[in-house]
Amino acid sequence: MYSCYAITAPGLEHLTAAELRAVGGMIGTIESGGVAFEAAPGTLYAANLRVRTASRIVVRIAQFHAAGFAELEQHARQVHWSRWVPAGGAVHFRVTSRKSRLYHQDAVAERLERAVLAAIPGARAVRAPSDTDALDDDVKELPGVQRFLVRIVDDELTLSVDSSGALLHRRGYRLAAAKAPLRETLAAALLLAMGWDGAVPLVDPMCGSGTIPIEAALLARRIPPGRGRRFAFERWPEFKPSVWEYIRGEAEAGVLGRAPAPILAADRDAGAVEATLANAVRAGVLADVSVHCAALSTTLADQALAALPPGVVLANPPYGVRVGESGRLRDLYASLGHLMRGPLAGWSLGFVTSDPALAAATGIPLAPVLETATGGLRIRLYSRASDDA
């Protein structure tokens, strides 16, 4: 069994824990920014493939006390590096230190690099984070570097090996991006927090580059988010290819041919619509998403939309961080509220914003159901359930 830790954006932990349980993970502690869990190799592989809300999944491989470099080097020599690093492999250590005598992070990384290079024939160290990112830039290829995360608190060191490679929000489909793109993991979290499972229609009237509707299509069709990418664990010397093939086959067997209910995306910006279409093609869900160039009022007042069974309107509207935008944005939110009280009174509503005053401008009863951060801003997902209309 592996002792694992799923790193998440703050606020998403319980959603991630539920997803981990669904793939067989045995949940331990849930804390801000992550979920500890135990997993057999196949469960770890499945978590990387199928969990939609985690940013990275690591395996804790060593924990020890080290108050000085001699003690650190002694413990580092005892780590079984050959389980995680193949001959000729590249390694990168990301070190954080707090309240410890081992406060020099580069010096800690250097000692650990020496231990790996001594244990693994032909191994090499990559120190610069930018060089490390370049080695797994193409998520459709095997990562070119093995990351290790090192956390030191009060002279207690925890060493973890990264099983994911590039961050898990990188599904491999989003090359075209509109302004202020939403991370794929956060878009999936919004859908899950709204309780949307693909059974009823979904509309995103301000879709940007299409992240919410594309993640909705993947969720509705049960397509694993990691289907189009590779992972760091595939390079581990103890990787089990037959188990991985079984896990992938099991996930593919559950994929639906089409989304059960309509998914509609619209944006007033033609460039955003083009980006959504291009990303939907790469994600393999173009047939599941209807994309239009239209303003909010046109989209939500469409008679064809009103004729559908009640569903969910979910959006990531502008929040207004620039001076002078507040008046225009209040009008936008007020318009959203007006439309949801009228033609779509029977629909659920969800949207994210960093400004409670903008949420209030909708003029409808709302409840915050999720709080997290994106782009350095604290944001909330506000929701109105259909039966509150």
Protein backbone atom coordinates (compact mmCIF):
# COMPACT_ATOMS: atom_id res chain seq x y z
CA MET A 1 0.00 0.00 0.00
CA TYR A 2 1.09 3.54 -0.72
CA SER A 3 0.68 6.39 1.76
CA CYS A 4 -0.67 9.08 -0.56
CA TYR A 5 -1.61 12.73 -0.46
CA ALA A 6 -3.83 14.52 -2.97
CA ILE A 7 -3.00 18.22 -3.22
CA THR A 8 -5.99 20.45 -3.92
CA ALA A 9 -6.91 24.10 -4.12
CA PRO A 10 -8.14 25.21 -0.68
CA GLY A 11 -11.87 24.59 -0.37
CA LEU A 12 -12.00 21.60 -2.71
CA GLU A 13 -10.77 19.00 -0.21
CA HIS A 14 -14.11 17.32 0.55
CA LEU A 15 -14.96 17.06 -3.14
CA THR A 16 -11.58 15.44 -3.76
CA ALA A 17 -12.05 13.08 -0.79
CA ALA A 18 -15.39 11.92 -2.22
CA GLU A 19 -13.76 11.26 -5.59
CA LEU A 20 -10.92 9.34 -3.96
CA ARG A 21 -13.39 7.16 -2.07
CA ALA A 22 -15.15 6.41 -5.35
CA VAL A 23 -11.95 4.96 -6.86
CA GLY A 24 -11.12 2.92 -3.74
CA GLY A 25 -8.88 5.23 -1.74
CA MET A 26 -8.96 4.81 2.05
CA ILE A 27 -9.29 8.36 3.34
CA GLY A 28 -7.19 9.52 6.28
CA THR A 29 -6.93 13.16 7.32
CA ILE A 30 -8.55 15.99 5.37
CA GLU A 31 -6.85 19.35 5.84
CA SER A 32 -6.62 22.68 4.08
CA GLY A 33 -5.02 22.05 0.71
CA GLY A 34 -5.06 18.28 0.66
CA VAL A 35 -6.36 14.82 1.49
CA ALA A 36 -4.29 11.95 2.90
CA PHE A 37 -5.28 8.47 1.76
CA GLU A 38 -3.97 4.91 1.50
CA ALA A 39 -3.96 3.21 -1.89
CA ALA A 40 -2.78 0.09 -3.63
CA PRO A 41 -0.86 0.76 -6.88
CA GLY A 42 -3.97 0.31 -9.03
CA THR A 43 -5.93 2.74 -6.88
CA LEU A 44 -3.16 5.32 -7.16
CA TYR A 45 -3.21 4.94 -10.94
CA ALA A 46 -7.01 5.25 -10.98
CA ALA A 47 -6.88 8.38 -8.81
CA ASN A 48 -4.59 10.13 -11.28
CA LEU A 49 -6.74 9.03 -14.19
CA ARG A 50 -10.22 9.69 -12.79
CA VAL A 51 -10.18 12.29 -10.01
CA ARG A 52 -11.31 15.62 -11.47
CA THR A 53 -10.53 18.07 -8.65
CA ALA A 54 -7.00 17.23 -7.42
CA SER A 55 -3.97 19.26 -8.53
CA ARG A 56 -1.31 16.62 -7.86
CA ILE A 57 -1.05 13.25 -6.11
CA VAL A 58 2.11 12.33 -4.25
CA VAL A 59 3.30 9.26 -2.33
CA ARG A 60 5.02 9.77 1.00
CA ILE A 61 8.17 7.64 0.92
CA ALA A 62 10.16 8.74 3.97
CA GLN A 63 9.80 10.72 7.17
CA PHE A 64 12.62 11.42 9.57
CA HIS A 65 14.19 13.91 11.97
CA ALA A 66 17.11 15.94 10.62
CA ALA A 67 18.57 18.85 12.56
CA GLY A 68 21.74 19.10 10.43
CA PHE A 69 23.16 18.15 7.05
CA ALA A 70 25.06 15.11 8.35
CA GLU A 71 21.83 13.65 9.70
CA LEU A 72 20.02 14.52 6.46
CA GLU A 73 22.67 12.80 4.34
CA GLN A 74 22.59 9.68 6.52
CA HIS A 75 18.82 9.30 6.10
CA ALA A 76 18.95 10.17 2.39
CA ARG A 77 21.32 7.27 1.73
CA GLN A 78 18.72 4.88 3.19
CA VAL A 79 15.87 5.93 0.86
CA HIS A 80 15.06 3.31 -1.80
CA TRP A 81 15.52 5.69 -4.74
CA SER A 82 15.56 2.79 -7.20
CA ARG A 83 11.81 2.31 -6.67
CA TRP A 84 11.08 5.72 -8.16
CA VAL A 85 13.95 6.74 -10.44
CA PRO A 86 15.02 4.68 -13.48
CA ALA A 87 18.62 4.47 -14.66
CA GLY A 88 19.50 7.68 -16.48
CA GLY A 89 16.48 9.50 -15.02
CA ALA A 90 16.30 13.18 -14.14
CA VAL A 91 15.18 14.34 -10.69
CA HIS A 92 14.02 17.63 -9.19
CA PHE A 93 13.57 18.42 -5.50
CA ARG A 94 11.13 21.12 -4.38
CA VAL A 95 11.94 22.02 -0.78
CA THR A 96 9.97 24.05 1.74
CA SER A 97 11.30 24.65 5.25
CA ARG A 98 9.71 26.23 8.32
CA LYS A 99 10.99 26.51 11.89
CA SER A 100 13.95 24.30 11.06
CA ARG A 101 17.71 24.51 11.30
CA LEU A 102 17.74 23.17 7.73
CA TYR A 103 16.50 26.49 6.39
CA HIS A 104 18.67 26.68 3.25
CA GLN A 105 16.40 25.03 0.69
CA ASP A 106 18.95 24.76 -2.13
CA ALA A 107 21.46 23.13 0.20
CA VAL A 108 18.85 20.56 1.26
CA ALA A 109 18.04 19.83 -2.40
CA GLU A 110 21.75 19.44 -3.17
CA ARG A 111 22.25 16.81 -0.43
CA LEU A 112 19.25 14.82 -1.65
CA GLU A 113 20.42 15.07 -5.26
CA ARG A 114 23.79 13.61 -4.25
CA ALA A 115 22.05 10.63 -2.67
CA VAL A 116 20.07 9.92 -5.84
CA LEU A 117 23.08 10.31 -8.13
CA ALA A 118 25.06 7.91 -5.95
CA ALA A 119 22.27 5.31 -6.02
CA ILE A 120 21.00 5.50 -9.62
CA PRO A 121 23.35 4.93 -12.59
CA GLY A 122 23.34 7.86 -15.00
CA ALA A 123 20.87 9.92 -12.97
CA ARG A 124 21.00 13.69 -13.25
CA ALA A 125 19.60 16.56 -11.22
CA VAL A 126 17.49 19.43 -12.57
CA ARG A 127 17.58 22.39 -10.22
CA ALA A 128 15.69 25.21 -11.98
CA PRO A 129 11.86 24.95 -11.73
CA SER A 130 11.53 26.36 -15.27
CA ASP A 131 13.75 23.57 -16.65
CA THR A 132 11.67 21.03 -14.72
CA ASP A 133 8.41 22.38 -16.14
CA ALA A 134 9.86 22.22 -19.66
CA LEU A 135 10.57 18.51 -19.24
CA ASP A 136 6.88 17.69 -18.77
CA ASP A 137 5.41 20.46 -20.89
CA ASP A 138 3.81 18.01 -23.34
CA VAL A 139 1.32 16.09 -21.22
CA LYS A 140 0.72 13.56 -23.99
CA GLU A 141 4.32 12.35 -23.55
CA LEU A 142 5.92 10.68 -20.53
CA PRO A 143 7.33 13.29 -18.10
CA GLY A 144 11.04 13.83 -18.54
CA VAL A 145 11.75 14.44 -14.86
CA GLN A 146 10.76 12.88 -11.55
CA ARG A 147 9.72 15.44 -8.95
CA PHE A 148 10.19 14.98 -5.23
CA LEU A 149 8.52 17.23 -2.67
CA VAL A 150 10.37 17.90 0.57
CA ARG A 151 8.64 19.50 3.55
CA ILE A 152 10.57 20.36 6.71
CA VAL A 153 8.79 21.59 9.84
CA ASP A 154 10.50 21.77 13.22
CA ASP A 155 13.38 19.60 11.89
CA GLU A 156 10.94 16.84 10.84
CA LEU A 157 11.34 16.06 7.15
CA THR A 158 8.68 14.47 4.95
CA LEU A 159 9.82 13.24 1.54
CA SER A 160 7.22 12.56 -1.16
CA VAL A 161 7.47 11.39 -4.76
CA ASP A 162 5.16 12.94 -7.32
CA SER A 163 2.99 10.39 -9.14
CA SER A 164 1.30 12.83 -11.52
CA GLY A 165 3.90 14.70 -13.54
CA ALA A 166 2.40 17.91 -14.89
CA LEU A 167 -0.38 19.34 -12.73
CA LEU A 168 -3.59 17.37 -13.11
CA HIS A 169 -5.64 20.31 -14.34
CA ARG A 170 -3.70 19.92 -17.58
CA ARG A 171 -6.00 17.48 -19.36
CA GLY A 172 -4.35 18.00 -22.76
CA TYR A 173 -7.23 19.70 -24.54
CA ARG A 174 -6.95 23.39 -23.65
CA LEU A 175 -4.45 25.03 -25.97
CA ALA A 176 -6.72 27.96 -26.85
CA ALA A 177 -7.60 30.21 -23.93
CA ALA A 178 -9.77 33.29 -23.57
CA LYS A 179 -9.24 36.00 -20.94
CA ALA A 180 -9.11 34.89 -17.27
CA PRO A 181 -9.36 31.15 -17.95
CA LEU A 182 -10.71 28.92 -15.22
CA ARG A 183 -8.60 25.90 -14.31
CA GLU A 184 -10.10 22.60 -15.37
CA THR A 185 -9.97 21.24 -11.82
CA LEU A 186 -11.93 24.24 -10.53
CA ALA A 187 -14.51 23.99 -13.31
CA ALA A 188 -15.06 20.34 -12.40
CA ALA A 189 -15.34 21.29 -8.73
CA LEU A 190 -18.07 23.84 -9.54
CA LEU A 191 -20.06 21.19 -11.37
CA LEU A 192 -19.70 18.69 -8.53
CA ALA A 193 -20.52 21.29 -5.88
CA MET A 194 -23.71 22.12 -7.80
CA GLY A 195 -24.63 18.44 -7.76
CA TRP A 196 -24.75 18.32 -11.56
CA ASP A 197 -24.20 14.82 -12.96
CA GLY A 198 -25.21 15.21 -16.60
CA ALA A 199 -28.84 14.15 -16.19
CA VAL A 200 -30.31 17.64 -16.78
CA PRO A 201 -29.38 20.45 -19.23
CA LEU A 202 -26.47 22.76 -18.44
CA VAL A 203 -25.92 26.27 -19.81
CA ASP A 204 -22.81 28.44 -19.50
CA PRO A 205 -23.76 31.84 -20.99
CA MET A 206 -20.27 33.37 -20.48
CA CYS A 207 -18.14 30.39 -21.47
CA GLY A 208 -14.78 32.01 -22.25
CA SER A 209 -12.55 29.24 -23.60
CA GLY A 210 -15.19 26.65 -22.74
CA THR A 211 -13.73 25.05 -19.64
CA ILE A 212 -17.04 24.64 -17.76
CA PRO A 213 -19.03 23.13 -20.67
CA ILE A 214 -16.14 20.89 -21.74
CA GLU A 215 -15.61 19.61 -18.19
CA ALA A 216 -19.39 19.13 -18.03
CA ALA A 217 -19.29 17.00 -21.18
CA LEU A 218 -16.44 14.88 -19.80
CA LEU A 219 -18.35 14.41 -16.55
CA ALA A 220 -21.66 13.65 -18.27
CA ARG A 221 -20.09 11.03 -20.53
CA ARG A 222 -17.98 9.57 -17.67
CA ILE A 223 -14.79 10.28 -19.64
CA PRO A 224 -11.81 10.15 -17.24
CA PRO A 225 -10.11 13.57 -17.12
CA GLY A 226 -6.66 12.00 -17.52
CA ARG A 227 -7.61 10.00 -20.60
CA GLY A 228 -5.46 12.06 -22.98
CA ARG A 229 -2.25 12.42 -20.94
CA ARG A 230 0.63 10.54 -19.35
CA PHE A 231 1.78 10.35 -15.72
CA ALA A 232 5.02 10.26 -13.75
CA PHE A 233 4.22 6.87 -12.19
CA GLU A 234 4.54 5.30 -15.65
CA ARG A 235 8.33 5.82 -15.40
CA TRP A 236 8.73 4.27 -11.96
CA PRO A 237 10.84 1.10 -11.99
CA GLU A 238 8.14 -0.61 -9.88
CA PHE A 239 5.32 0.53 -12.21
CA LYS A 240 2.88 -2.31 -13.04
CA PRO A 241 1.87 -1.98 -16.74
CA SER A 242 -0.69 -4.79 -16.62
CA VAL A 243 -2.48 -3.16 -13.68
CA TRP A 244 -2.45 0.18 -15.49
CA GLU A 245 -3.96 -1.36 -18.63
CA TYR A 246 -6.72 -2.93 -16.53
CA ILE A 247 -7.48 0.40 -14.82
CA ARG A 248 -7.61 2.23 -18.14
CA GLY A 249 -9.79 -0.46 -19.70
CA GLU A 250 -12.19 -0.39 -16.77
CA ALA A 251 -12.52 3.40 -17.08
CA GLU A 252 -13.08 3.23 -20.84
CA ALA A 253 -15.81 0.62 -20.39
CA GLY A 254 -17.85 3.16 -18.43
CA VAL A 255 -17.70 5.93 -21.05
CA LEU A 256 -21.04 6.90 -22.58
CA GLY A 257 -21.39 7.52 -26.31
CA ARG A 258 -23.17 10.86 -25.89
CA ALA A 259 -24.03 13.26 -23.08
CA PRO A 260 -27.49 12.36 -21.72
CA ALA A 261 -28.75 16.00 -21.65
CA PRO A 262 -27.99 19.16 -23.67
CA ILE A 263 -24.91 21.21 -22.78
CA LEU A 264 -24.95 24.77 -24.15
CA ALA A 265 -22.09 27.27 -24.23
CA ALA A 266 -22.25 30.89 -25.34
CA ASP A 267 -20.13 34.02 -25.22
CA ARG A 268 -20.51 37.46 -26.77
CA ASP A 269 -16.83 37.37 -27.84
CA ALA A 270 -16.23 35.58 -31.15
CA GLY A 271 -12.66 34.73 -30.17
CA ALA A 272 -13.89 32.97 -27.04
CA VAL A 273 -16.36 30.96 -29.11
CA GLU A 274 -13.58 29.90 -31.49
CA ALA A 275 -11.43 28.86 -28.52
CA THR A 276 -14.30 26.83 -27.05
CA LEU A 277 -14.86 25.02 -30.34
CA ALA A 278 -11.15 24.23 -30.76
CA ASN A 279 -10.83 22.97 -27.19
CA ALA A 280 -14.00 20.86 -27.49
CA VAL A 281 -12.58 19.22 -30.61
CA ARG A 282 -9.35 18.31 -28.78
CA ALA A 283 -11.33 17.01 -25.80
CA GLY A 284 -13.42 14.80 -28.10
CA VAL A 285 -16.73 16.31 -26.96
CA LEU A 286 -17.65 18.69 -29.78
CA ALA A 287 -20.81 16.70 -30.54
CA ASP A 288 -21.91 17.09 -26.90
CA VAL A 289 -21.59 20.88 -26.64
CA SER A 290 -23.70 23.39 -28.56
CA VAL A 291 -21.68 26.61 -28.93
CA HIS A 292 -23.06 30.04 -29.93
CA CYS A 293 -21.79 33.61 -30.16
CA ALA A 294 -24.40 35.59 -28.21
CA ALA A 295 -24.81 38.00 -25.32
CA LEU A 296 -26.05 36.87 -21.91
CA SER A 297 -29.54 38.29 -22.42
CA THR A 298 -29.91 36.63 -25.81
CA THR A 299 -28.72 33.26 -24.54
CA LEU A 300 -30.89 33.04 -21.43
CA ALA A 301 -34.02 34.47 -23.11
CA ASP A 302 -33.92 31.98 -25.99
CA GLN A 303 -37.30 30.27 -26.39
CA ALA A 304 -35.58 26.99 -27.27
CA LEU A 305 -33.86 27.08 -23.89
CA ALA A 306 -37.12 27.74 -22.04
CA ALA A 307 -38.61 24.69 -23.78
CA LEU A 308 -36.00 22.36 -22.23
CA PRO A 309 -36.57 20.57 -18.92
CA PRO A 310 -35.27 22.67 -15.99
CA GLY A 311 -31.52 22.40 -15.66
CA VAL A 312 -28.53 24.36 -14.37
CA VAL A 313 -27.06 27.72 -15.40
CA LEU A 314 -23.42 27.80 -14.30
CA ALA A 315 -21.08 30.69 -15.10
CA ASN A 316 -17.77 32.34 -14.34
CA PRO A 317 -18.65 36.01 -14.93
CA PRO A 318 -16.11 38.84 -14.68
CA TYR A 319 -15.46 39.88 -11.07
CA GLY A 320 -14.32 43.46 -11.65
CA VAL A 321 -10.80 44.03 -10.38
CA ARG A 322 -10.21 47.07 -12.61
CA VAL A 323 -11.13 50.58 -11.47
CA GLY A 324 -14.31 51.88 -13.08
CA GLU A 325 -15.82 48.47 -13.89
CA SER A 326 -18.16 48.18 -10.92
CA GLY A 327 -21.17 49.92 -12.45
CA ARG A 328 -21.09 47.92 -15.67
CA LEU A 329 -20.69 44.68 -13.77
CA ARG A 330 -23.57 45.44 -11.40
CA ASP A 331 -25.75 45.80 -14.48
CA LEU A 332 -24.50 42.45 -15.80
CA TYR A 333 -25.30 40.65 -12.52
CA ALA A 334 -28.66 42.40 -12.28
CA SER A 335 -29.47 41.20 -15.79
CA LEU A 336 -28.51 37.65 -14.82
CA GLY A 337 -30.83 37.82 -11.81
CA HIS A 338 -33.69 39.24 -13.91
CA LEU A 339 -33.43 36.42 -16.46
CA MET A 340 -33.29 33.77 -13.75
CA ARG A 341 -36.46 35.18 -12.16
CA GLY A 342 -38.21 35.19 -15.52
CA PRO A 343 -37.76 32.63 -18.33
CA LEU A 344 -35.56 30.33 -16.23
CA ALA A 345 -37.30 30.61 -12.87
CA GLY A 346 -37.40 26.83 -12.56
CA TRP A 347 -33.68 26.38 -13.18
CA SER A 348 -30.82 26.16 -10.69
CA LEU A 349 -28.18 28.90 -10.84
CA GLY A 350 -24.52 28.86 -9.89
CA PHE A 351 -21.83 31.47 -10.49
CA VAL A 352 -18.48 32.46 -9.00
CA THR A 353 -17.39 35.91 -7.95
CA SER A 354 -14.93 37.54 -5.58
CA ASP A 355 -17.33 40.38 -4.72
CA PRO A 356 -20.38 39.70 -2.50
CA ALA A 357 -21.88 43.02 -3.63
CA LEU A 358 -22.03 41.73 -7.22
CA ALA A 359 -23.76 38.57 -6.03
CA ALA A 360 -26.30 40.72 -4.18
CA ALA A 361 -26.91 42.73 -7.37
CA THR A 362 -28.72 39.71 -8.84
CA GLY A 363 -31.58 40.42 -6.47
CA ILE A 364 -32.28 36.75 -5.83
CA PRO A 365 -31.70 34.58 -2.73
CA LEU A 366 -28.30 32.93 -2.92
CA ALA A 367 -26.15 30.73 -0.70
CA PRO A 368 -22.35 30.34 -0.91
CA VAL A 369 -21.67 26.63 -1.41
CA LEU A 370 -17.92 26.67 -2.12
CA GLU A 371 -15.04 29.01 -1.33
CA THR A 372 -11.62 28.76 -2.94
CA ALA A 373 -9.00 30.87 -4.71
CA THR A 374 -8.05 31.50 -8.32
CA GLY A 375 -5.53 33.94 -9.74
CA GLY A 376 -4.74 35.20 -6.24
CA LEU A 377 -8.38 36.10 -5.52
CA ARG A 378 -10.68 34.49 -2.98
CA ILE A 379 -13.86 33.49 -4.79
CA ARG A 380 -17.17 31.91 -3.81
CA LEU A 381 -19.59 29.77 -5.75
CA TYR A 382 -23.06 31.19 -5.12
CA SER A 383 -26.03 28.95 -5.77
CA ARG A 384 -29.78 29.18 -6.09
CA ALA A 385 -31.53 25.83 -6.18
CA SER A 386 -34.42 25.45 -8.61
CA ASP A 387 -36.97 24.91 -5.83
CA ASP A 388 -35.99 28.27 -4.28
CA ALA A 389 -37.03 30.18 -7.38
